[in-house]
Amino acid sequence: MKAKELDDKFEEGKRVLENFNLSKARRPNQEQKRVNVDFPQWMIQSLDKEAKRLGVPRQSIIKIWLAERLQKSSQL
């Protein structure tokens, strides 16, 4: 299908997603890579306490806090 045909189909309010292979779609710079980090026991306990308070997994707290710090550092 040519881009013009796809545009026309979209503008007419017809479904266009079936024209794409979404199984191979990727979000740039969002690919995951597993890393191992060792933390002292007191940090794990503090992370778990905060995660429980917020109702999220420990990993989420770590990701959020790291992302916030990295964004803050890049603004300096």
C-alpha atoms as a PDB file:
ATOM      1  CA  MET A   1       0.000   0.000   0.000  1.00  0.00           C
ATOM      2  CA  LYS A   2       1.299   3.430  -0.899  1.00  0.00           C
ATOM      3  CA  ALA A   3       1.528   6.217   1.687  1.00  0.00           C
ATOM      4  CA  LYS A   4      -1.182   8.224  -0.083  1.00  0.00           C
ATOM      5  CA  GLU A   5      -3.596   5.287   0.107  1.00  0.00           C
ATOM      6  CA  LEU A   6      -2.818   4.826   3.797  1.00  0.00           C
ATOM      7  CA  ASP A   7      -3.350   8.546   4.457  1.00  0.00           C
ATOM      8  CA  ASP A   8      -6.679   8.502   2.637  1.00  0.00           C
ATOM      9  CA  LYS A   9      -7.832   5.426   4.520  1.00  0.00           C
ATOM     10  CA  PHE A  10      -6.875   7.057   7.842  1.00  0.00           C
ATOM     11  CA  GLU A  11      -8.586  10.339   6.956  1.00  0.00           C
ATOM     12  CA  GLU A  12     -11.770   8.411   6.133  1.00  0.00           C
ATOM     13  CA  GLY A  13     -11.727   6.994   9.647  1.00  0.00           C
ATOM     14  CA  LYS A  14     -10.959   3.452   8.519  1.00  0.00           C
ATOM     15  CA  ARG A  15      -8.715   1.066  10.418  1.00  0.00           C
ATOM     16  CA  VAL A  16      -5.068   1.258   9.380  1.00  0.00           C
ATOM     17  CA  LEU A  17      -3.248  -0.655  12.127  1.00  0.00           C
ATOM     18  CA  GLU A  18      -3.657  -3.970  10.343  1.00  0.00           C
ATOM     19  CA  ASN A  19      -1.291  -2.569   7.700  1.00  0.00           C
ATOM     20  CA  PHE A  20       1.587  -2.527  10.192  1.00  0.00           C
ATOM     21  CA  ASN A  21       3.600  -5.317  11.797  1.00  0.00           C
ATOM     22  CA  LEU A  22       3.454  -4.124  15.408  1.00  0.00           C
ATOM     23  CA  SER A  23       5.315  -7.171  16.718  1.00  0.00           C
ATOM     24  CA  LYS A  24       8.539  -5.530  15.553  1.00  0.00           C
ATOM     25  CA  ALA A  25       7.686  -2.018  16.744  1.00  0.00           C
ATOM     26  CA  ARG A  26      10.201  -0.517  19.174  1.00  0.00           C
ATOM     27  CA  ARG A  27      10.358   2.674  21.185  1.00  0.00           C
ATOM     28  CA  PRO A  28      13.716   4.397  20.639  1.00  0.00           C
ATOM     29  CA  ASN A  29      15.947   4.495  23.724  1.00  0.00           C
ATOM     30  CA  GLN A  30      13.436   2.412  25.694  1.00  0.00           C
ATOM     31  CA  GLU A  31      14.938  -1.024  25.139  1.00  0.00           C
ATOM     32  CA  GLN A  32      15.547  -2.913  28.378  1.00  0.00           C
ATOM     33  CA  LYS A  33      18.901  -4.254  29.518  1.00  0.00           C
ATOM     34  CA  ARG A  34      19.308  -6.255  32.697  1.00  0.00           C
ATOM     35  CA  VAL A  35      21.988  -5.166  35.184  1.00  0.00           C
ATOM     36  CA  ASN A  36      22.920  -6.447  38.612  1.00  0.00           C
ATOM     37  CA  VAL A  37      23.617  -4.004  41.409  1.00  0.00           C
ATOM     38  CA  ASP A  38      24.618  -4.870  44.959  1.00  0.00           C
ATOM     39  CA  PHE A  39      23.104  -2.706  47.697  1.00  0.00           C
ATOM     40  CA  PRO A  40      23.797  -2.709  51.424  1.00  0.00           C
ATOM     41  CA  GLN A  41      21.057  -4.304  53.516  1.00  0.00           C
ATOM     42  CA  TRP A  42      19.952  -0.974  55.003  1.00  0.00           C
ATOM     43  CA  MET A  43      19.297   0.395  51.486  1.00  0.00           C
ATOM     44  CA  ILE A  44      17.219  -2.637  50.557  1.00  0.00           C
ATOM     45  CA  GLN A  45      15.154  -2.204  53.715  1.00  0.00           C
ATOM     46  CA  SER A  46      14.612   1.502  53.009  1.00  0.00           C
ATOM     47  CA  LEU A  47      13.702   0.803  49.384  1.00  0.00           C
ATOM     48  CA  ASP A  48      11.259  -1.907  50.414  1.00  0.00           C
ATOM     49  CA  LYS A  49       9.653   0.363  52.992  1.00  0.00           C
ATOM     50  CA  GLU A  50       9.159   3.147  50.436  1.00  0.00           C
ATOM     51  CA  ALA A  51       7.942   0.711  47.786  1.00  0.00           C
ATOM     52  CA  LYS A  52       5.389  -0.735  50.202  1.00  0.00           C
ATOM     53  CA  ARG A  53       4.210   2.749  51.172  1.00  0.00           C
ATOM     54  CA  LEU A  54       3.656   3.625  47.511  1.00  0.00           C
ATOM     55  CA  GLY A  55       2.307   0.193  46.572  1.00  0.00           C
ATOM     56  CA  VAL A  56       4.871  -0.453  43.855  1.00  0.00           C
ATOM     57  CA  PRO A  57       7.708  -2.970  43.404  1.00  0.00           C
ATOM     58  CA  ARG A  58      11.205  -2.150  44.628  1.00  0.00           C
ATOM     59  CA  GLN A  59      12.457  -2.066  41.043  1.00  0.00           C
ATOM     60  CA  SER A  60      10.027   0.734  40.212  1.00  0.00           C
ATOM     61  CA  ILE A  61      11.354   2.922  43.023  1.00  0.00           C
ATOM     62  CA  ILE A  62      14.924   2.380  41.851  1.00  0.00           C
ATOM     63  CA  LYS A  63      14.055   3.198  38.227  1.00  0.00           C
ATOM     64  CA  ILE A  64      12.078   6.312  39.122  1.00  0.00           C
ATOM     65  CA  TRP A  65      14.717   7.714  41.457  1.00  0.00           C
ATOM     66  CA  LEU A  66      17.545   7.027  39.022  1.00  0.00           C
ATOM     67  CA  ALA A  67      15.612   8.595  36.150  1.00  0.00           C
ATOM     68  CA  GLU A  68      14.859  11.696  38.235  1.00  0.00           C
ATOM     69  CA  ARG A  69      18.502  12.058  39.212  1.00  0.00           C
ATOM     70  CA  LEU A  70      19.749  11.584  35.660  1.00  0.00           C
ATOM     71  CA  GLN A  71      17.267  14.144  34.313  1.00  0.00           C
ATOM     72  CA  LYS A  72      18.284  16.602  37.007  1.00  0.00           C
ATOM     73  CA  SER A  73      21.973  16.083  36.228  1.00  0.00           C
ATOM     74  CA  SER A  74      21.451  16.585  32.497  1.00  0.00           C
ATOM     75  CA  GLN A  75      19.795  19.961  33.154  1.00  0.00           C
ATOM     76  CA  LEU A  76      22.825  21.367  34.934  1.00  0.00           C
END
